[in-house]
Protein backbone atom coordinates (compact mmCIF):
# COMPACT_ATOMS: atom_id res chain seq x y z
CA MET A 1 7.27 -39.88 -5.66
CA ALA A 2 3.71 -38.68 -5.19
CA PRO A 3 1.07 -40.56 -7.23
CA LEU A 4 0.14 -38.67 -10.39
CA ILE A 5 -3.42 -37.41 -10.58
CA GLU A 6 -4.77 -37.92 -14.08
CA ILE A 7 -7.37 -35.33 -15.12
CA GLY A 8 -8.47 -34.21 -18.57
CA THR A 9 -8.39 -30.71 -19.97
CA LEU A 10 -10.17 -28.19 -17.77
CA PRO A 11 -13.59 -27.02 -19.04
CA GLY A 12 -13.21 -24.31 -21.66
CA GLU A 13 -9.42 -24.36 -21.52
CA PRO A 14 -7.51 -24.20 -24.83
CA SER A 15 -5.76 -27.38 -25.93
CA GLY A 16 -2.45 -25.55 -26.29
CA PRO A 17 -0.77 -22.23 -27.10
CA ARG A 18 -1.67 -20.38 -30.30
CA MET A 19 0.34 -17.37 -31.38
CA HIS A 20 -0.83 -14.89 -34.03
CA THR A 21 1.68 -12.06 -33.62
CA ASP A 22 5.09 -11.32 -32.21
CA LEU A 23 5.15 -10.19 -28.58
CA PRO A 24 4.13 -7.59 -27.85
CA GLY A 25 1.66 -7.48 -30.74
CA PRO A 26 0.38 -4.31 -32.38
CA LYS A 27 -2.70 -4.02 -30.15
CA SER A 28 -0.60 -4.58 -27.03
CA LYS A 29 1.84 -1.89 -28.14
CA ALA A 30 -0.96 0.58 -28.80
CA ALA A 31 -2.69 -0.16 -25.50
CA ALA A 32 0.58 0.15 -23.57
CA ALA A 33 1.34 3.48 -25.25
CA GLU A 34 -2.10 4.79 -24.31
CA LEU A 35 -1.63 3.62 -20.75
CA ASP A 36 1.86 5.13 -20.48
CA ALA A 37 0.43 8.62 -20.77
CA LEU A 38 -1.31 8.07 -17.43
CA PHE A 39 0.59 5.27 -15.71
CA ASP A 40 4.18 4.01 -15.93
CA ALA A 41 3.88 1.23 -18.52
CA ARG A 42 7.60 0.72 -19.21
CA ALA A 43 7.60 -2.77 -17.67
CA VAL A 44 4.55 -3.96 -19.65
CA GLN A 45 5.25 -7.18 -21.57
CA VAL A 46 1.81 -7.75 -23.06
CA VAL A 47 -1.62 -6.26 -22.40
CA ALA A 48 -3.94 -9.04 -21.33
CA ASP A 49 -7.52 -9.88 -22.24
CA TYR A 50 -8.54 -11.41 -18.94
CA GLU A 51 -12.14 -12.05 -19.95
CA SER A 52 -10.90 -14.43 -22.66
CA SER A 53 -8.22 -16.08 -20.52
CA CYS A 54 -9.05 -19.51 -19.11
CA GLY A 55 -7.44 -22.02 -16.78
CA ASN A 56 -3.69 -22.19 -17.33
CA TYR A 57 -3.88 -19.98 -20.44
CA LEU A 58 -3.41 -16.22 -20.63
CA VAL A 59 -4.84 -14.42 -23.69
CA ASP A 60 -3.61 -11.00 -24.80
CA VAL A 61 -5.44 -8.26 -26.71
CA ASP A 62 -3.92 -9.53 -29.99
CA GLY A 63 -5.55 -12.93 -29.49
CA ASN A 64 -2.32 -14.76 -28.59
CA ILE A 65 -2.99 -17.72 -26.30
CA MET A 66 -0.11 -18.51 -23.93
CA LEU A 67 0.45 -21.32 -21.46
CA ASP A 68 1.18 -19.34 -18.30
CA LEU A 69 3.90 -20.73 -16.04
CA TYR A 70 4.46 -17.34 -14.37
CA ALA A 71 0.86 -16.78 -13.18
CA GLN A 72 0.98 -13.06 -12.45
CA ILE A 73 4.25 -13.38 -10.54
CA ALA A 74 3.09 -16.51 -8.69
CA SER A 75 -0.25 -15.00 -7.67
CA ILE A 76 -2.95 -17.00 -9.50
CA PRO A 77 -3.83 -20.20 -7.61
CA VAL A 78 -6.66 -21.96 -9.47
CA GLY A 79 -6.59 -20.55 -13.00
CA TYR A 80 -8.09 -17.69 -14.93
CA ASN A 81 -11.87 -17.33 -14.70
CA ASN A 82 -12.28 -20.18 -12.26
CA ALA A 83 -15.99 -21.00 -11.88
CA GLY A 84 -15.85 -21.41 -8.11
CA LEU A 85 -14.18 -18.03 -7.63
CA LYS A 86 -16.68 -16.43 -10.02
CA ALA A 87 -19.51 -17.75 -7.89
CA ALA A 88 -17.87 -16.38 -4.73
CA ALA A 89 -17.25 -13.04 -6.42
CA SER A 90 -20.90 -12.63 -7.34
CA SER A 91 -22.32 -13.71 -3.98
CA PRO A 92 -24.32 -11.27 -1.81
CA ALA A 93 -21.61 -11.49 0.87
CA MET A 94 -18.95 -10.39 -1.63
CA ILE A 95 -21.09 -7.56 -3.01
CA SER A 96 -21.74 -6.26 0.50
CA SER A 97 -18.04 -6.42 1.41
CA LEU A 98 -17.05 -4.59 -1.77
CA ILE A 99 -19.51 -1.72 -1.62
CA ASN A 100 -19.53 -1.34 2.17
CA ARG A 101 -15.83 -1.94 2.75
CA PRO A 102 -15.57 -1.72 6.53
CA ALA A 103 -12.95 -0.08 8.72
CA THR A 104 -12.47 -3.53 10.19
CA GLY A 105 -10.69 -2.50 13.39
CA ASN A 106 -13.52 -0.20 14.46
CA PHE A 107 -16.61 -1.39 12.59
CA PRO A 108 -16.23 -5.07 11.60
CA GLN A 109 -19.10 -6.73 9.79
CA HIS A 110 -21.27 -9.09 11.77
CA ASP A 111 -19.76 -12.27 10.30
CA TRP A 112 -16.06 -11.26 10.22
CA ALA A 113 -15.10 -13.90 12.81
CA ALA A 114 -16.98 -16.57 10.86
CA ILE A 115 -15.25 -15.55 7.60
CA LEU A 116 -11.83 -15.82 9.23
CA GLN A 117 -12.61 -19.09 10.99
CA SER A 118 -14.09 -20.81 7.95
CA GLY A 119 -11.43 -19.45 5.60
CA MET A 120 -7.84 -18.57 6.38
CA MET A 121 -7.81 -20.01 9.91
CA ARG A 122 -8.81 -23.34 8.38
CA VAL A 123 -5.36 -23.50 6.80
CA ALA A 124 -3.40 -21.72 9.55
CA PRO A 125 0.10 -23.16 9.98
CA LYS A 126 0.79 -25.48 12.90
CA GLY A 127 0.90 -23.56 16.16
CA MET A 128 -0.88 -20.49 14.78
CA THR A 129 -4.16 -19.53 16.45
CA GLN A 130 -4.57 -15.89 15.40
CA VAL A 131 -4.24 -13.80 12.26
CA PHE A 132 -3.71 -10.13 11.49
CA THR A 133 -4.98 -9.30 8.02
CA ALA A 134 -3.19 -6.89 5.68
CA VAL A 135 -3.46 -5.57 2.13
CA SER A 136 -0.26 -6.90 0.48
CA GLY A 137 2.79 -9.06 1.10
CA ALA A 138 4.97 -6.04 1.91
CA ASP A 139 2.31 -4.78 4.29
CA ALA A 140 2.16 -8.17 5.99
CA ASN A 141 5.92 -8.14 6.54
CA GLU A 142 5.88 -4.55 7.82
CA LEU A 143 3.19 -5.46 10.34
CA ALA A 144 5.14 -8.53 11.44
CA PHE A 145 8.18 -6.31 12.03
CA LYS A 146 6.08 -3.95 14.16
CA ALA A 147 4.72 -6.87 16.19
CA ALA A 148 8.28 -8.10 16.78
CA PHE A 149 9.49 -4.68 17.95
CA MET A 150 6.55 -4.24 20.32
CA TRP A 151 7.09 -7.74 21.71
CA LYS A 152 10.79 -7.07 22.26
CA CYS A 153 10.17 -3.82 24.12
CA GLN A 154 7.43 -5.26 26.32
CA LYS A 155 9.75 -8.18 27.12
CA ARG A 156 12.44 -5.68 28.16
CA ARG A 157 9.97 -3.98 30.49
CA GLY A 158 9.36 -7.32 32.15
CA ASP A 159 5.61 -6.94 31.92
CA TYR A 160 3.66 -7.41 28.70
CA HIS A 161 0.96 -5.10 30.04
CA ALA A 162 3.23 -2.36 31.41
CA GLU A 163 2.30 1.24 30.68
CA PHE A 164 4.64 3.61 28.87
CA SER A 165 6.73 6.17 30.73
CA THR A 166 6.39 9.92 30.19
CA LEU A 167 9.88 9.94 28.65
CA GLU A 168 8.97 7.18 26.19
CA SER A 169 5.83 9.01 25.14
CA SER A 170 7.63 12.33 24.62
CA SER A 171 10.85 11.05 23.01
CA VAL A 172 9.01 8.99 20.40
CA MET A 173 7.49 12.18 18.99
CA GLU A 174 11.06 13.30 18.22
CA ASN A 175 11.95 9.89 16.73
CA GLN A 176 14.38 9.44 19.60
CA SER A 177 14.96 6.72 22.17
CA PRO A 178 13.75 5.37 24.47
CA GLY A 179 10.33 5.81 22.85
CA SER A 180 11.78 5.06 19.42
CA PRO A 181 14.12 2.20 20.35
CA HIS A 182 17.27 1.04 18.63
CA LEU A 183 16.20 -2.36 17.30
CA SER A 184 16.72 -4.24 14.05
CA ILE A 185 15.47 -7.07 11.86
CA LEU A 186 17.96 -9.59 10.50
CA SER A 187 17.37 -10.73 6.92
CA PHE A 188 19.40 -12.83 4.51
CA LYS A 189 21.55 -12.07 1.51
CA LYS A 190 19.49 -12.23 -1.73
CA GLY A 191 16.21 -12.21 0.21
CA PHE A 192 13.18 -10.20 -0.93
CA HIS A 193 10.45 -9.01 1.43
CA GLY A 194 8.74 -6.11 -0.33
CA ARG A 195 9.25 -2.53 -1.47
CA SER A 196 7.87 -0.46 1.42
CA LEU A 197 10.43 1.20 3.69
CA GLY A 198 10.87 -1.38 6.44
CA ALA A 199 10.46 -4.34 4.09
CA LEU A 200 12.91 -2.73 1.68
CA SER A 201 15.52 -2.45 4.43
CA ALA A 202 15.26 -6.24 4.79
CA THR A 203 15.33 -6.81 1.01
CA ARG A 204 18.71 -7.78 -0.45
CA SER A 205 17.92 -9.16 -3.90
CA LYS A 206 18.67 -6.40 -6.44
CA SER A 207 20.05 -2.89 -6.11
CA ILE A 208 17.35 -1.45 -8.41
CA HIS A 209 14.79 -2.22 -5.70
CA LYS A 210 16.59 -0.06 -3.13
CA LEU A 211 18.46 2.77 -4.87
CA ASP A 212 17.77 6.32 -3.63
CA VAL A 213 15.61 5.07 -0.74
CA PRO A 214 16.82 5.63 2.85
CA ALA A 215 17.22 2.39 4.77
CA PHE A 216 17.54 1.20 8.35
CA ASP A 217 20.92 -0.07 9.50
CA TRP A 218 19.87 -3.69 9.73
CA PRO A 219 22.07 -6.79 9.41
CA GLN A 220 22.11 -9.41 6.69
CA ALA A 221 23.27 -12.98 7.17
CA PRO A 222 24.54 -15.32 4.44
CA PHE A 223 21.95 -17.60 2.88
CA PRO A 224 23.28 -20.98 1.68
CA SER A 225 24.47 -21.14 -1.91
CA LEU A 226 24.15 -24.86 -2.55
CA ARG A 227 25.98 -26.82 -5.21
CA TYR A 228 24.06 -29.14 -7.52
CA PRO A 229 23.29 -31.98 -7.93
CA LEU A 230 22.71 -32.16 -4.19
CA GLU A 231 23.61 -35.84 -3.86
CA GLN A 232 27.04 -35.17 -5.37
CA TYR A 233 27.89 -32.30 -3.01
CA GLU A 234 26.22 -33.46 0.19
CA LYS A 235 29.29 -33.01 2.42
CA GLU A 236 30.26 -29.61 1.01
CA ASN A 237 26.70 -28.29 1.24
CA ARG A 238 26.32 -29.48 4.82
CA GLN A 239 29.53 -27.69 5.80
CA HIS A 240 28.49 -24.54 3.95
CA GLU A 241 25.14 -24.46 5.73
CA GLN A 242 26.89 -24.86 9.06
CA ASP A 243 29.09 -21.87 8.20
CA CYS A 244 25.96 -19.84 7.44
CA ILE A 245 24.39 -20.84 10.77
CA ARG A 246 27.53 -19.82 12.66
CA ALA A 247 27.65 -16.46 10.84
CA THR A 248 23.99 -15.86 11.64
CA GLU A 249 24.50 -16.66 15.30
CA ARG A 250 27.45 -14.25 15.48
CA LEU A 251 25.22 -11.49 14.15
CA LEU A 252 22.50 -12.32 16.67
CA VAL A 253 25.06 -11.89 19.45
CA GLU A 254 27.34 -9.15 18.13
CA TRP A 255 25.30 -6.81 15.91
CA HIS A 256 25.49 -3.30 17.32
CA THR A 257 21.69 -2.86 17.34
CA PRO A 258 19.70 -5.54 19.20
CA ILE A 259 17.84 -7.85 16.84
CA ALA A 260 14.13 -8.37 17.52
CA ALA A 261 13.47 -10.92 14.77
CA ILE A 262 14.84 -12.63 11.71
CA ILE A 263 12.85 -12.88 8.48
CA ILE A 264 13.52 -15.61 5.95
CA GLU A 265 11.89 -17.13 2.86
CA PRO A 266 11.65 -20.94 2.64
CA ILE A 267 12.92 -20.54 -0.95
CA GLN A 268 14.41 -17.18 -1.89
CA SER A 269 12.30 -16.27 -4.89
CA GLU A 270 13.20 -12.86 -6.35
CA GLY A 271 16.84 -13.37 -5.37
CA GLY A 272 17.35 -16.37 -7.67
CA ASP A 273 15.28 -19.30 -6.34
CA ASN A 274 17.82 -20.24 -3.71
CA HIS A 275 17.18 -23.30 -1.57
CA ALA A 276 18.46 -24.61 1.76
CA SER A 277 17.99 -27.94 3.49
CA PRO A 278 15.33 -28.59 6.15
CA ASN A 279 18.17 -29.08 8.64
CA PHE A 280 19.40 -25.52 7.98
CA PHE A 281 16.01 -24.11 8.93
CA ARG A 282 15.72 -26.38 11.98
CA GLU A 283 19.10 -25.14 13.24
CA LEU A 284 18.09 -21.58 12.49
CA ARG A 285 14.99 -22.05 14.60
CA ALA A 286 17.11 -23.41 17.45
CA ILE A 287 19.44 -20.40 17.55
CA THR A 288 16.56 -17.92 17.43
CA ARG A 289 15.07 -19.61 20.47
CA LYS A 290 18.48 -19.69 22.17
CA HIS A 291 18.93 -15.94 21.74
CA GLU A 292 15.28 -14.93 22.30
CA VAL A 293 14.82 -13.62 18.77
CA LEU A 294 11.57 -14.13 16.85
CA MET A 295 11.47 -16.12 13.60
CA ILE A 296 9.29 -14.70 10.82
CA VAL A 297 8.82 -17.00 7.84
CA ASP A 298 7.92 -15.07 4.70
CA GLU A 299 5.58 -17.36 2.75
CA VAL A 300 4.27 -14.63 0.46
CA GLN A 301 5.47 -16.48 -2.64
CA THR A 302 5.91 -20.04 -1.37
CA GLY A 303 2.59 -20.40 0.48
CA VAL A 304 -0.74 -21.87 -0.60
CA GLY A 305 0.36 -25.14 -2.14
CA ALA A 306 3.03 -24.22 -4.69
CA THR A 307 5.70 -26.47 -3.14
CA GLY A 308 3.43 -29.50 -2.81
CA LYS A 309 2.53 -28.66 0.79
CA PHE A 310 0.17 -25.89 1.80
CA TRP A 311 3.00 -24.02 3.54
CA ALA A 312 6.56 -24.54 2.35
CA HIS A 313 7.94 -24.57 5.89
CA GLU A 314 6.01 -27.81 6.46
CA HIS A 315 8.85 -29.49 4.53
CA TRP A 316 11.19 -28.69 7.44
CA ASP A 317 9.38 -30.87 10.03
CA LEU A 318 9.86 -28.25 12.75
CA GLN A 319 9.06 -29.36 16.29
CA ASP A 320 8.96 -25.70 17.31
CA PRO A 321 6.91 -23.65 14.81
CA PRO A 322 7.90 -20.16 13.63
CA ASP A 323 6.64 -17.18 15.59
CA MET A 324 4.93 -15.58 12.60
CA VAL A 325 4.15 -16.67 9.04
CA THR A 326 3.35 -13.98 6.49
CA PHE A 327 1.28 -14.65 3.36
CA SER A 328 -0.20 -13.04 0.25
CA LYS A 329 -0.02 -13.73 -3.54
CA LYS A 330 -1.87 -17.03 -4.17
CA ALA A 331 -4.02 -16.38 -1.08
CA GLN A 332 -5.36 -13.27 -2.88
CA ALA A 333 -5.40 -11.85 0.65
CA ALA A 334 -2.55 -10.94 2.98
CA GLY A 335 -1.50 -10.92 6.60
CA TYR A 336 0.44 -12.88 9.17
CA PHE A 337 -0.43 -15.83 11.38
CA PHE A 338 0.85 -16.14 14.95
CA GLY A 339 0.24 -18.14 18.10
CA ASN A 340 1.98 -16.36 20.97
CA PRO A 341 -0.61 -14.12 22.71
CA HIS A 342 2.21 -11.72 23.63
CA LEU A 343 2.54 -10.87 19.93
CA ARG A 344 -0.77 -9.08 20.22
CA PRO A 345 0.11 -5.48 21.27
CA ASN A 346 -0.66 -4.56 24.87
CA LEU A 347 -3.04 -1.76 23.83
CA PRO A 348 -5.52 -1.19 20.99
CA TYR A 349 -4.63 1.10 18.06
CA ARG A 350 -0.95 0.11 18.14
CA GLN A 351 -1.26 -2.42 15.30
CA PHE A 352 -3.96 -0.66 13.33
CA ASN A 353 -4.99 1.03 10.10
CA THR A 354 -8.28 2.01 8.46
CA TRP A 355 -9.13 -1.25 6.74
CA MET A 356 -6.91 -3.82 8.48
CA GLY A 357 -7.17 -6.10 5.49
CA ASP A 358 -10.23 -6.61 3.33
CA PRO A 359 -13.22 -8.91 3.96
CA ALA A 360 -13.72 -9.22 0.19
CA ARG A 361 -10.23 -10.69 -0.16
CA ALA A 362 -10.77 -12.94 2.84
CA LEU A 363 -13.92 -14.29 1.16
CA LEU A 364 -11.94 -14.94 -2.00
CA PHE A 365 -9.25 -16.79 -0.02
CA LYS A 366 -11.99 -18.96 1.50
CA ALA A 367 -13.22 -19.78 -2.02
CA ILE A 368 -9.66 -20.60 -3.10
CA ILE A 369 -9.27 -22.99 -0.17
CA ASP A 370 -12.56 -24.65 -1.15
CA GLU A 371 -11.28 -25.10 -4.72
CA LEU A 372 -7.96 -26.54 -3.52
CA GLU A 373 -9.73 -29.06 -1.33
CA LYS A 374 -12.33 -29.97 -3.94
CA GLY A 375 -9.69 -30.71 -6.58
CA ASP A 376 -7.03 -32.08 -4.19
CA LEU A 377 -4.81 -29.47 -5.84
CA VAL A 378 -1.96 -29.39 -3.35
CA ARG A 379 -1.42 -33.12 -3.86
CA ASN A 380 -1.82 -32.56 -7.60
CA THR A 381 0.96 -29.97 -7.48
CA ALA A 382 3.26 -32.37 -5.63
CA ALA A 383 2.58 -35.10 -8.20
CA THR A 384 2.85 -32.86 -11.26
CA GLY A 385 6.05 -31.36 -9.85
CA ASP A 386 7.62 -34.81 -9.52
CA TYR A 387 6.74 -35.60 -13.12
CA LEU A 388 7.94 -32.25 -14.43
CA PHE A 389 11.21 -32.40 -12.51
CA GLY A 390 11.95 -35.83 -13.95
CA ARG A 391 11.45 -34.55 -17.50
CA LEU A 392 13.57 -31.47 -16.83
CA GLU A 393 16.38 -33.66 -15.44
CA LYS A 394 16.56 -35.48 -18.77
CA MET A 395 16.51 -32.16 -20.62
CA ALA A 396 19.30 -30.75 -18.46
CA LYS A 397 21.55 -33.67 -19.41
CA LEU A 398 21.00 -32.86 -23.09
CA TYR A 399 21.54 -29.11 -22.69
CA PRO A 400 23.91 -28.66 -19.74
CA ASN A 401 25.11 -25.25 -20.96
CA HIS A 402 21.58 -23.85 -20.73
CA MET A 403 20.16 -25.77 -17.77
CA ALA A 404 22.57 -25.65 -14.84
CA ASN A 405 21.79 -26.17 -11.15
CA LEU A 406 18.33 -27.63 -11.68
CA ARG A 407 16.62 -27.39 -8.30
CA GLY A 408 13.28 -27.96 -6.64
CA ARG A 409 13.08 -31.76 -6.45
CA GLY A 410 10.26 -32.65 -4.07
CA GLN A 411 9.10 -29.02 -3.93
CA GLY A 412 6.02 -29.32 -6.13
CA THR A 413 6.26 -27.12 -9.22
CA PHE A 414 8.51 -24.60 -7.44
CA ILE A 415 11.34 -25.48 -9.84
CA ALA A 416 14.20 -23.41 -11.24
CA TRP A 417 17.50 -23.62 -13.08
CA ASP A 418 20.25 -21.25 -14.20
CA SER A 419 21.03 -20.24 -17.77
CA PRO A 420 23.58 -17.73 -19.12
CA GLN A 421 21.06 -17.16 -21.93
CA ARG A 422 18.18 -16.70 -19.49
CA ASP A 423 16.62 -13.58 -21.03
CA LEU A 424 16.85 -14.95 -24.58
CA LEU A 425 15.34 -18.26 -23.49
CA ILE A 426 12.37 -16.51 -21.85
CA LYS A 427 11.85 -14.31 -24.92
CA LEU A 428 11.89 -17.26 -27.33
CA ALA A 429 9.57 -19.30 -25.10
CA ARG A 430 7.05 -16.47 -25.16
CA LYS A 431 7.22 -16.36 -28.95
CA GLU A 432 6.22 -20.03 -28.83
CA GLY A 433 3.36 -19.31 -26.42
CA VAL A 434 4.82 -20.14 -23.00
CA CYS A 435 5.15 -17.47 -20.28
CA LEU A 436 8.14 -17.95 -17.98
CA GLY A 437 9.71 -15.73 -15.34
CA GLY A 438 13.24 -14.95 -14.28
CA SER A 439 14.78 -14.20 -10.91
CA GLY A 440 18.22 -13.26 -9.66
CA GLN A 441 20.92 -12.93 -12.30
CA GLN A 442 20.46 -16.12 -14.32
CA ALA A 443 17.59 -18.14 -12.87
CA ILE A 444 14.50 -19.25 -14.73
CA ARG A 445 11.72 -19.91 -12.24
CA LEU A 446 8.55 -21.89 -12.83
CA ARG A 447 5.44 -20.64 -11.06
CA PRO A 448 2.48 -22.43 -12.63
CA MET A 449 -0.94 -22.54 -11.03
CA LEU A 450 -2.10 -25.40 -8.85
CA ILE A 451 -4.28 -26.67 -11.73
CA PHE A 452 -1.15 -27.28 -13.83
CA ARG A 453 -1.13 -30.96 -14.80
CA ARG A 454 0.82 -33.55 -16.74
CA GLN A 455 -0.55 -32.50 -20.13
CA HIS A 456 0.52 -28.90 -19.48
CA ALA A 457 3.98 -30.09 -18.42
CA ASP A 458 4.29 -32.03 -21.69
CA ILE A 459 3.41 -28.92 -23.74
CA PHE A 460 5.96 -26.89 -21.83
CA ILE A 461 8.71 -29.49 -22.31
CA THR A 462 8.03 -29.60 -26.07
CA VAL A 463 8.35 -25.82 -26.32
CA LEU A 464 11.43 -25.75 -24.09
CA GLU A 465 13.20 -28.34 -26.21
CA LYS A 466 12.41 -26.38 -29.38
CA VAL A 467 13.76 -23.19 -27.81
CA LEU A 468 16.95 -24.85 -26.56
CA ARG A 469 17.60 -26.37 -29.97
CA SER A 470 17.20 -22.97 -31.62
CA ILE A 471 19.63 -21.35 -29.16
CA ASN A 472 22.16 -24.10 -29.80
CA LEU A 473 21.86 -23.61 -33.57
CA VAL A 474 22.41 -19.87 -33.28
CA GLN A 475 25.49 -20.38 -31.09
CA VAL A 476 26.93 -22.98 -33.47
């Protein structure tokens, strides 16, 4: 178990939740109704007052103060209104990047290389020496797919610098081969990789994400569905993972459209917080190498410290790193890291758009990295996660009907469990001032910020126990 880092309440942070109205409150309802006339507000839960929010606490327009364990769908790394990020946001470099946003591919600012080197490349995964910046997680995955397809085709030509034939150049304008080749990306059942067209074709989490949208004919492999507690089902889980590896390898060999790359999340997030063992991922890496297929690791939700390591795939102890690692969310920037120089297209303008990321967001990511290092926040997350998991284990024994398949031991605060009363539990927790999130059909997922500490875990456990008792009373 990681040593616990003891730190007092963050400056200016509330001492706990304080609720004044039901959720959503009257001001939230009015603001959402006003917004809905201009913008689809049907998914709005509360309307936030971000200027009043602080640290781990989200404040809404009705003055309700909530301990936030969902963190804008896992996207806030170091708390609301963090002083270090405020300073970075008001710096001359940030102001210049915001008001003179460059078309980075054509007209990069003078210090773009220095920003990348001192920021995101400082935390590049093992084996990664280059980065392609993007504007969102879905965009990062789309660009990684394009890089994989270009790599595959250049490999087929036998020369990474070969020119295109006249037939390739003409047929691609008709969306026909050989210029528009028949290639695919393999993803995994219950995986989520974004809502743009290519990313959506690889997404398999919920039908509502995909309905009415044309999709590519791409394969999906089974992702392990482990039984818990892990120590009780070690043999069965090992066999099940082997079955999944064999099924994946069959697809790599037999799928009717050649596979350029696989994409996989270290922990499937939107699809239900599904885990697999490090050995599963090591074997997956081995078969991708065997069949000359690229491995893209989607760290959009797991990256930047949430699992107690900066990148979740570091838990796997890979000797052979992935080919690409995509990122976004807690980075407040987006893109993909890579190391193989052949993943850089053979000609300019092939992997290109107007902005190619955003220097302002890259500056913010640099400030986030500074904050993580200053507060030793990745180690803090590992330690707090150990403490929180231990408390949740005791709770699960008391309420087994509402806390099944507790998972995430040793994965920082990236913790989840299943509950048949999931939606009710989340609703009641919010009434008590704790924001939680769901995923999959029954999972409750915890996504606190990296400044979440023991005292916040204790507040959450107190609220959770109160909620579980109330559900039990209603059912009795």
